[in-house]
Amino acid sequence: FFFFSSRRRHTRCSGVSWARRCVQETGITLAWLQQFSGINAVNFYSTKIFSGTFDPKAVISQEVQQTVNLFNALVGVTAVSASLIAILVVEKLGRKSALMIGNFLCLVVLVFLSYFIYAQNFGISKYFVLLHTFAFNISLGPLLSVYLADILPAKGISIGIFTHWICVIIIGFGFPIISSPNVFNTHGGFILFAICCLVGQVFLVLVVKETKGLSLYQSQNLYNDDAKQKDSEN
């Protein structure tokens, strides 16, 4: 979103200033995508999915509570395991490829999770919570800070992380509202996150650049090189 608007303004500024704005807006959009991949919303409702009910007045048996505790523990194990696997994936495939794979997996998982919640099939839904946790922590989770450090100076990284926490606040306050029965319901809320992932996938394919094997200086000048090329073409 930010990137496309900056391209329309390119003709009114120099290549260097356009590149700086472009790279900063790339970082901001990645921070937005990380949170709007739905990770906090999934975590927020994971206990309800594991228990098999969204009724706040429902009485949970001891057996069900044990299942909830088990899957809560599995979420933690899955997150740690995926983060370790992410190290290998990034080194082999690169930052951009890992981001695209993880985001696409989040998109697919959110669609299925939404469907099974709509069908009230919580027995299967809880496994998709684990899959979403895996997809997020193999890519968008750990790689945001890595990629921001690749392309941005310290000030730019701070802006990206600030955007990240603003998005956390927005989702924290906004998702309970949009997922209420009077608005989109829970499954509808997850579909909205799936749409965000779809938009993010287009952004990752068209805008984000690969920084694998590049030095810090080379990574931070990727967008500068594009800007110089555009200036020469004009």
C-alpha atoms as a PDB file:
ATOM      1  CA  PHE A   1       0.000   0.000   0.000  1.00  0.00           C
ATOM      2  CA  PHE A   2       2.641   2.499   1.085  1.00  0.00           C
ATOM      3  CA  PHE A   3       4.918   1.416  -1.738  1.00  0.00           C
ATOM      4  CA  PHE A   4       2.353   1.867  -4.479  1.00  0.00           C
ATOM      5  CA  SER A   5       1.486   5.384  -3.294  1.00  0.00           C
ATOM      6  CA  SER A   6       5.184   6.290  -3.222  1.00  0.00           C
ATOM      7  CA  ARG A   7       5.580   5.249  -6.841  1.00  0.00           C
ATOM      8  CA  ARG A   8       2.914   7.751  -7.892  1.00  0.00           C
ATOM      9  CA  ARG A   9       4.932  10.499  -6.219  1.00  0.00           C
ATOM     10  CA  HIS A  10       8.225   9.426  -7.752  1.00  0.00           C
ATOM     11  CA  THR A  11       8.151  12.014 -10.532  1.00  0.00           C
ATOM     12  CA  ARG A  12       8.137  14.828  -7.954  1.00  0.00           C
ATOM     13  CA  CYS A  13      11.273  13.852  -6.036  1.00  0.00           C
ATOM     14  CA  SER A  14      14.815  12.724  -6.635  1.00  0.00           C
ATOM     15  CA  GLY A  15      15.803   9.072  -6.960  1.00  0.00           C
ATOM     16  CA  VAL A  16      17.581   9.076  -3.598  1.00  0.00           C
ATOM     17  CA  SER A  17      14.651  10.545  -1.674  1.00  0.00           C
ATOM     18  CA  TRP A  18      12.251   8.163  -3.433  1.00  0.00           C
ATOM     19  CA  ALA A  19      14.466   5.215  -2.517  1.00  0.00           C
ATOM     20  CA  ARG A  20      14.643   6.227   1.130  1.00  0.00           C
ATOM     21  CA  ARG A  21      10.898   6.584   1.328  1.00  0.00           C
ATOM     22  CA  CYS A  22      10.361   3.328  -0.558  1.00  0.00           C
ATOM     23  CA  VAL A  23      12.626   1.294   1.698  1.00  0.00           C
ATOM     24  CA  GLN A  24      11.041   2.774   4.829  1.00  0.00           C
ATOM     25  CA  GLU A  25       7.548   2.088   3.554  1.00  0.00           C
ATOM     26  CA  THR A  26       8.613  -1.455   2.702  1.00  0.00           C
ATOM     27  CA  GLY A  27       9.644  -1.934   6.331  1.00  0.00           C
ATOM     28  CA  ILE A  28       6.378  -0.436   7.593  1.00  0.00           C
ATOM     29  CA  THR A  29       4.309  -2.672   5.320  1.00  0.00           C
ATOM     30  CA  LEU A  30       6.198  -5.770   6.462  1.00  0.00           C
ATOM     31  CA  ALA A  31       5.510  -4.817  10.086  1.00  0.00           C
ATOM     32  CA  TRP A  32       1.828  -4.424   9.202  1.00  0.00           C
ATOM     33  CA  LEU A  33       1.785  -7.792   7.425  1.00  0.00           C
ATOM     34  CA  GLN A  34       3.411  -9.583  10.336  1.00  0.00           C
ATOM     35  CA  GLN A  35       0.570  -8.658  12.680  1.00  0.00           C
ATOM     36  CA  PHE A  36      -2.265  -8.809  10.159  1.00  0.00           C
ATOM     37  CA  SER A  37      -1.304 -12.378   9.322  1.00  0.00           C
ATOM     38  CA  GLY A  38      -3.577 -13.078  12.281  1.00  0.00           C
ATOM     39  CA  ILE A  39      -1.127 -14.506  14.795  1.00  0.00           C
ATOM     40  CA  ASN A  40      -2.408 -12.595  17.826  1.00  0.00           C
ATOM     41  CA  ALA A  41      -6.041 -13.196  16.886  1.00  0.00           C
ATOM     42  CA  VAL A  42      -5.374 -16.939  16.590  1.00  0.00           C
ATOM     43  CA  ASN A  43      -3.579 -16.918  19.926  1.00  0.00           C
ATOM     44  CA  PHE A  44      -6.394 -14.882  21.472  1.00  0.00           C
ATOM     45  CA  TYR A  45      -8.991 -17.508  20.531  1.00  0.00           C
ATOM     46  CA  SER A  46      -6.791 -20.596  20.783  1.00  0.00           C
ATOM     47  CA  THR A  47      -8.035 -21.574  24.252  1.00  0.00           C
ATOM     48  CA  LYS A  48     -11.657 -21.354  23.087  1.00  0.00           C
ATOM     49  CA  ILE A  49     -10.851 -23.437  20.018  1.00  0.00           C
ATOM     50  CA  PHE A  50      -9.013 -26.019  22.109  1.00  0.00           C
ATOM     51  CA  SER A  51     -11.935 -26.226  24.556  1.00  0.00           C
ATOM     52  CA  GLY A  52     -14.429 -26.606  21.716  1.00  0.00           C
ATOM     53  CA  THR A  53     -16.730 -23.747  22.701  1.00  0.00           C
ATOM     54  CA  PHE A  54     -17.012 -19.994  22.319  1.00  0.00           C
ATOM     55  CA  ASP A  55     -19.638 -19.752  25.039  1.00  0.00           C
ATOM     56  CA  PRO A  56     -18.137 -17.775  27.966  1.00  0.00           C
ATOM     57  CA  LYS A  57     -20.647 -19.402  30.329  1.00  0.00           C
ATOM     58  CA  ALA A  58     -19.788 -22.959  29.306  1.00  0.00           C
ATOM     59  CA  VAL A  59     -18.506 -25.281  32.026  1.00  0.00           C
ATOM     60  CA  ILE A  60     -15.338 -27.046  30.944  1.00  0.00           C
ATOM     61  CA  SER A  61     -14.754 -30.561  32.245  1.00  0.00           C
ATOM     62  CA  GLN A  62     -11.438 -31.629  33.715  1.00  0.00           C
ATOM     63  CA  GLU A  63     -10.742 -33.811  30.680  1.00  0.00           C
ATOM     64  CA  VAL A  64     -11.303 -30.897  28.297  1.00  0.00           C
ATOM     65  CA  GLN A  65      -9.131 -28.647  30.459  1.00  0.00           C
ATOM     66  CA  GLN A  66      -6.323 -31.177  30.192  1.00  0.00           C
ATOM     67  CA  THR A  67      -6.682 -31.078  26.396  1.00  0.00           C
ATOM     68  CA  VAL A  68      -6.536 -27.270  26.492  1.00  0.00           C
ATOM     69  CA  ASN A  69      -3.391 -27.351  28.618  1.00  0.00           C
ATOM     70  CA  LEU A  70      -1.803 -29.915  26.302  1.00  0.00           C
ATOM     71  CA  PHE A  71      -2.421 -27.892  23.157  1.00  0.00           C
ATOM     72  CA  ASN A  72      -1.325 -24.652  24.822  1.00  0.00           C
ATOM     73  CA  ALA A  73       1.961 -26.398  25.563  1.00  0.00           C
ATOM     74  CA  LEU A  74       2.128 -27.692  21.985  1.00  0.00           C
ATOM     75  CA  VAL A  75       1.732 -24.127  20.695  1.00  0.00           C
ATOM     76  CA  GLY A  76       4.876 -23.161  22.596  1.00  0.00           C
ATOM     77  CA  VAL A  77       6.783 -26.214  21.387  1.00  0.00           C
ATOM     78  CA  THR A  78       5.662 -25.572  17.809  1.00  0.00           C
ATOM     79  CA  ALA A  79       6.756 -21.914  17.974  1.00  0.00           C
ATOM     80  CA  VAL A  80      10.212 -22.784  19.283  1.00  0.00           C
ATOM     81  CA  SER A  81      10.682 -25.627  16.795  1.00  0.00           C
ATOM     82  CA  ALA A  82       9.582 -23.490  13.853  1.00  0.00           C
ATOM     83  CA  SER A  83      11.935 -20.687  14.872  1.00  0.00           C
ATOM     84  CA  LEU A  84      14.852 -23.129  14.844  1.00  0.00           C
ATOM     85  CA  ILE A  85      13.811 -24.500  11.454  1.00  0.00           C
ATOM     86  CA  ALA A  86      13.552 -20.921  10.179  1.00  0.00           C
ATOM     87  CA  ILE A  87      17.320 -20.570  10.595  1.00  0.00           C
ATOM     88  CA  LEU A  88      17.893 -23.385   8.102  1.00  0.00           C
ATOM     89  CA  VAL A  89      15.169 -22.215   5.733  1.00  0.00           C
ATOM     90  CA  VAL A  90      16.494 -18.654   5.597  1.00  0.00           C
ATOM     91  CA  GLU A  91      20.059 -19.766   4.979  1.00  0.00           C
ATOM     92  CA  LYS A  92      19.008 -22.112   2.193  1.00  0.00           C
ATOM     93  CA  LEU A  93      16.193 -20.209   0.466  1.00  0.00           C
ATOM     94  CA  GLY A  94      16.808 -16.599   1.477  1.00  0.00           C
ATOM     95  CA  ARG A  95      14.712 -13.991   3.264  1.00  0.00           C
ATOM     96  CA  LYS A  96      12.216 -13.243   0.524  1.00  0.00           C
ATOM     97  CA  SER A  97      11.457 -16.874  -0.297  1.00  0.00           C
ATOM     98  CA  ALA A  98      11.013 -17.750   3.383  1.00  0.00           C
ATOM     99  CA  LEU A  99       8.649 -14.796   3.859  1.00  0.00           C
ATOM    100  CA  MET A 100       6.581 -15.771   0.822  1.00  0.00           C
ATOM    101  CA  ILE A 101       6.347 -19.425   1.854  1.00  0.00           C
ATOM    102  CA  GLY A 102       5.377 -18.633   5.449  1.00  0.00           C
ATOM    103  CA  ASN A 103       2.854 -15.962   4.477  1.00  0.00           C
ATOM    104  CA  PHE A 104       1.248 -18.248   1.890  1.00  0.00           C
ATOM    105  CA  LEU A 105       0.957 -20.997   4.488  1.00  0.00           C
ATOM    106  CA  CYS A 106      -0.684 -18.531   6.892  1.00  0.00           C
ATOM    107  CA  LEU A 107      -3.161 -17.627   4.145  1.00  0.00           C
ATOM    108  CA  VAL A 108      -4.106 -21.241   3.452  1.00  0.00           C
ATOM    109  CA  VAL A 109      -4.332 -22.177   7.137  1.00  0.00           C
ATOM    110  CA  LEU A 110      -6.553 -19.168   7.924  1.00  0.00           C
ATOM    111  CA  VAL A 111      -9.004 -20.164   5.183  1.00  0.00           C
ATOM    112  CA  PHE A 112      -9.285 -23.717   6.522  1.00  0.00           C
ATOM    113  CA  LEU A 113      -9.398 -22.544  10.140  1.00  0.00           C
ATOM    114  CA  SER A 114     -12.240 -20.173   9.296  1.00  0.00           C
ATOM    115  CA  TYR A 115     -14.153 -22.939   7.560  1.00  0.00           C
ATOM    116  CA  PHE A 116     -13.822 -25.455  10.381  1.00  0.00           C
ATOM    117  CA  ILE A 117     -14.770 -22.863  12.999  1.00  0.00           C
ATOM    118  CA  TYR A 118     -17.830 -22.001  10.899  1.00  0.00           C
ATOM    119  CA  ALA A 119     -18.657 -25.726  10.756  1.00  0.00           C
ATOM    120  CA  GLN A 120     -17.953 -25.942  14.517  1.00  0.00           C
ATOM    121  CA  ASN A 121     -15.477 -28.743  13.898  1.00  0.00           C
ATOM    122  CA  PHE A 122     -13.152 -27.822  16.748  1.00  0.00           C
ATOM    123  CA  GLY A 123     -11.514 -31.251  16.732  1.00  0.00           C
ATOM    124  CA  ILE A 124      -9.756 -30.343  13.485  1.00  0.00           C
ATOM    125  CA  SER A 125      -9.560 -26.595  14.159  1.00  0.00           C
ATOM    126  CA  LYS A 126      -7.090 -27.000  16.999  1.00  0.00           C
ATOM    127  CA  TYR A 127      -4.571 -28.623  14.659  1.00  0.00           C
ATOM    128  CA  PHE A 128      -4.840 -25.654  12.286  1.00  0.00           C
ATOM    129  CA  VAL A 129      -3.976 -23.387  15.215  1.00  0.00           C
ATOM    130  CA  LEU A 130      -0.730 -25.337  15.514  1.00  0.00           C
ATOM    131  CA  LEU A 131      -0.171 -25.115  11.743  1.00  0.00           C
ATOM    132  CA  HIS A 132      -0.673 -21.356  11.801  1.00  0.00           C
ATOM    133  CA  THR A 133       1.768 -21.052  14.684  1.00  0.00           C
ATOM    134  CA  PHE A 134       4.298 -23.051  12.680  1.00  0.00           C
ATOM    135  CA  ALA A 135       3.795 -21.031   9.487  1.00  0.00           C
ATOM    136  CA  PHE A 136       4.159 -17.724  11.330  1.00  0.00           C
ATOM    137  CA  ASN A 137       7.238 -18.657  13.330  1.00  0.00           C
ATOM    138  CA  ILE A 138       9.051 -20.123  10.369  1.00  0.00           C
ATOM    139  CA  SER A 139       8.874 -16.814   8.513  1.00  0.00           C
ATOM    140  CA  LEU A 140       7.025 -13.630   9.471  1.00  0.00           C
ATOM    141  CA  GLY A 141       7.691 -13.962  13.186  1.00  0.00           C
ATOM    142  CA  PRO A 142      11.495 -14.101  13.353  1.00  0.00           C
ATOM    143  CA  LEU A 143      12.268 -12.614   9.946  1.00  0.00           C
ATOM    144  CA  LEU A 144      10.713  -9.176  10.406  1.00  0.00           C
ATOM    145  CA  SER A 145      13.555  -7.946  12.618  1.00  0.00           C
ATOM    146  CA  VAL A 146      16.146  -9.663  10.417  1.00  0.00           C
ATOM    147  CA  TYR A 147      14.887  -8.068   7.223  1.00  0.00           C
ATOM    148  CA  LEU A 148      14.427  -4.636   8.776  1.00  0.00           C
ATOM    149  CA  ALA A 149      18.042  -4.767   9.973  1.00  0.00           C
ATOM    150  CA  ASP A 150      19.109  -5.736   6.437  1.00  0.00           C
ATOM    151  CA  ILE A 151      17.572  -2.754   4.667  1.00  0.00           C
ATOM    152  CA  LEU A 152      17.102   0.014   7.241  1.00  0.00           C
ATOM    153  CA  PRO A 153      19.288   2.163   9.489  1.00  0.00           C
ATOM    154  CA  ALA A 154      18.595   2.287  13.220  1.00  0.00           C
ATOM    155  CA  LYS A 155      15.956   5.035  12.919  1.00  0.00           C
ATOM    156  CA  GLY A 156      14.137   3.130  10.213  1.00  0.00           C
ATOM    157  CA  ILE A 157      14.139  -0.047  12.288  1.00  0.00           C
ATOM    158  CA  SER A 158      12.627   1.891  15.196  1.00  0.00           C
ATOM    159  CA  ILE A 159       9.815   3.133  12.952  1.00  0.00           C
ATOM    160  CA  GLY A 160       9.163  -0.410  11.754  1.00  0.00           C
ATOM    161  CA  ILE A 161       9.011  -1.810  15.286  1.00  0.00           C
ATOM    162  CA  PHE A 162       6.778   1.114  16.338  1.00  0.00           C
ATOM    163  CA  THR A 163       4.406   0.172  13.497  1.00  0.00           C
ATOM    164  CA  HIS A 164       4.487  -3.420  14.717  1.00  0.00           C
ATOM    165  CA  TRP A 165       3.279  -2.448  18.202  1.00  0.00           C
ATOM    166  CA  ILE A 166       0.640  -0.065  16.847  1.00  0.00           C
ATOM    167  CA  CYS A 167      -0.759  -2.981  14.844  1.00  0.00           C
ATOM    168  CA  VAL A 168      -0.719  -5.159  17.963  1.00  0.00           C
ATOM    169  CA  ILE A 169      -2.836  -2.547  19.764  1.00  0.00           C
ATOM    170  CA  ILE A 170      -5.236  -2.192  16.823  1.00  0.00           C
ATOM    171  CA  ILE A 171      -5.785  -5.946  16.635  1.00  0.00           C
ATOM    172  CA  GLY A 172      -6.073  -6.265  20.407  1.00  0.00           C
ATOM    173  CA  PHE A 173      -8.894  -3.757  20.541  1.00  0.00           C
ATOM    174  CA  GLY A 174     -10.372  -4.271  17.087  1.00  0.00           C
ATOM    175  CA  PHE A 175     -10.566  -8.033  16.571  1.00  0.00           C
ATOM    176  CA  PRO A 176     -13.015  -8.726  19.426  1.00  0.00           C
ATOM    177  CA  ILE A 177     -15.305  -6.160  17.791  1.00  0.00           C
ATOM    178  CA  ILE A 178     -15.122  -7.409  14.200  1.00  0.00           C
ATOM    179  CA  SER A 179     -15.336 -11.051  15.332  1.00  0.00           C
ATOM    180  CA  SER A 180     -18.508 -10.451  17.358  1.00  0.00           C
ATOM    181  CA  PRO A 181     -21.750 -12.094  16.149  1.00  0.00           C
ATOM    182  CA  ASN A 182     -23.147  -8.678  15.222  1.00  0.00           C
ATOM    183  CA  VAL A 183     -20.297  -7.968  12.774  1.00  0.00           C
ATOM    184  CA  PHE A 184     -18.294 -10.719  10.997  1.00  0.00           C
ATOM    185  CA  ASN A 185     -18.236 -13.434  13.666  1.00  0.00           C
ATOM    186  CA  THR A 186     -15.035 -15.311  14.480  1.00  0.00           C
ATOM    187  CA  HIS A 187     -14.726 -17.180  11.196  1.00  0.00           C
ATOM    188  CA  GLY A 188     -15.351 -13.956   9.274  1.00  0.00           C
ATOM    189  CA  GLY A 189     -12.620 -12.218  11.240  1.00  0.00           C
ATOM    190  CA  PHE A 190     -10.134 -14.905  10.243  1.00  0.00           C
ATOM    191  CA  ILE A 191     -11.173 -14.534   6.592  1.00  0.00           C
ATOM    192  CA  LEU A 192     -10.281 -10.836   6.818  1.00  0.00           C
ATOM    193  CA  PHE A 193      -6.792 -11.820   7.976  1.00  0.00           C
ATOM    194  CA  ALA A 194      -6.580 -14.291   5.087  1.00  0.00           C
ATOM    195  CA  ILE A 195      -7.352 -11.408   2.699  1.00  0.00           C
ATOM    196  CA  CYS A 196      -4.568  -9.387   4.347  1.00  0.00           C
ATOM    197  CA  CYS A 197      -2.204 -12.294   3.734  1.00  0.00           C
ATOM    198  CA  LEU A 198      -3.287 -12.395   0.083  1.00  0.00           C
ATOM    199  CA  VAL A 199      -2.508  -8.692  -0.320  1.00  0.00           C
ATOM    200  CA  GLY A 200       0.757  -9.261   1.554  1.00  0.00           C
ATOM    201  CA  GLN A 201       1.698 -12.087  -0.800  1.00  0.00           C
ATOM    202  CA  VAL A 202       1.390  -9.756  -3.791  1.00  0.00           C
ATOM    203  CA  PHE A 203       3.529  -7.216  -1.935  1.00  0.00           C
ATOM    204  CA  LEU A 204       6.192  -9.812  -1.129  1.00  0.00           C
ATOM    205  CA  VAL A 205       6.354 -10.988  -4.735  1.00  0.00           C
ATOM    206  CA  LEU A 206       6.416  -7.563  -6.395  1.00  0.00           C
ATOM    207  CA  VAL A 207       8.180  -5.288  -3.927  1.00  0.00           C
ATOM    208  CA  VAL A 208      10.360  -7.065  -1.373  1.00  0.00           C
ATOM    209  CA  LYS A 209      13.903  -7.780  -2.522  1.00  0.00           C
ATOM    210  CA  GLU A 210      16.172 -10.673  -1.654  1.00  0.00           C
ATOM    211  CA  THR A 211      19.068  -9.820   0.661  1.00  0.00           C
ATOM    212  CA  LYS A 212      20.600 -13.290   0.947  1.00  0.00           C
ATOM    213  CA  GLY A 213      24.370 -13.241   0.581  1.00  0.00           C
ATOM    214  CA  LEU A 214      24.576  -9.445   0.536  1.00  0.00           C
ATOM    215  CA  SER A 215      26.535  -7.282   2.921  1.00  0.00           C
ATOM    216  CA  LEU A 216      24.751  -4.751   5.090  1.00  0.00           C
ATOM    217  CA  TYR A 217      25.814  -1.951   2.723  1.00  0.00           C
ATOM    218  CA  GLN A 218      24.605  -3.843  -0.355  1.00  0.00           C
ATOM    219  CA  SER A 219      21.262  -4.723   1.258  1.00  0.00           C
ATOM    220  CA  GLN A 220      20.554  -1.158   2.328  1.00  0.00           C
ATOM    221  CA  ASN A 221      21.315   0.096  -1.189  1.00  0.00           C
ATOM    222  CA  LEU A 222      19.036  -2.305  -3.073  1.00  0.00           C
ATOM    223  CA  TYR A 223      16.322   0.302  -3.389  1.00  0.00           C
ATOM    224  CA  ASN A 224      18.854   3.050  -4.124  1.00  0.00           C
ATOM    225  CA  ASP A 225      20.061   1.020  -7.116  1.00  0.00           C
ATOM    226  CA  ASP A 226      16.490   0.730  -8.402  1.00  0.00           C
ATOM    227  CA  ALA A 227      15.989   4.465  -7.972  1.00  0.00           C
ATOM    228  CA  LYS A 228      19.156   5.273  -9.926  1.00  0.00           C
ATOM    229  CA  GLN A 229      18.061   2.919 -12.688  1.00  0.00           C
ATOM    230  CA  LYS A 230      14.648   4.606 -12.890  1.00  0.00           C
ATOM    231  CA  ASP A 231      16.288   8.030 -13.002  1.00  0.00           C
ATOM    232  CA  SER A 232      18.542   6.939 -15.858  1.00  0.00           C
ATOM    233  CA  GLU A 233      15.556   5.575 -17.774  1.00  0.00           C
ATOM    234  CA  ASN A 234      13.755   8.897 -17.341  1.00  0.00           C
END
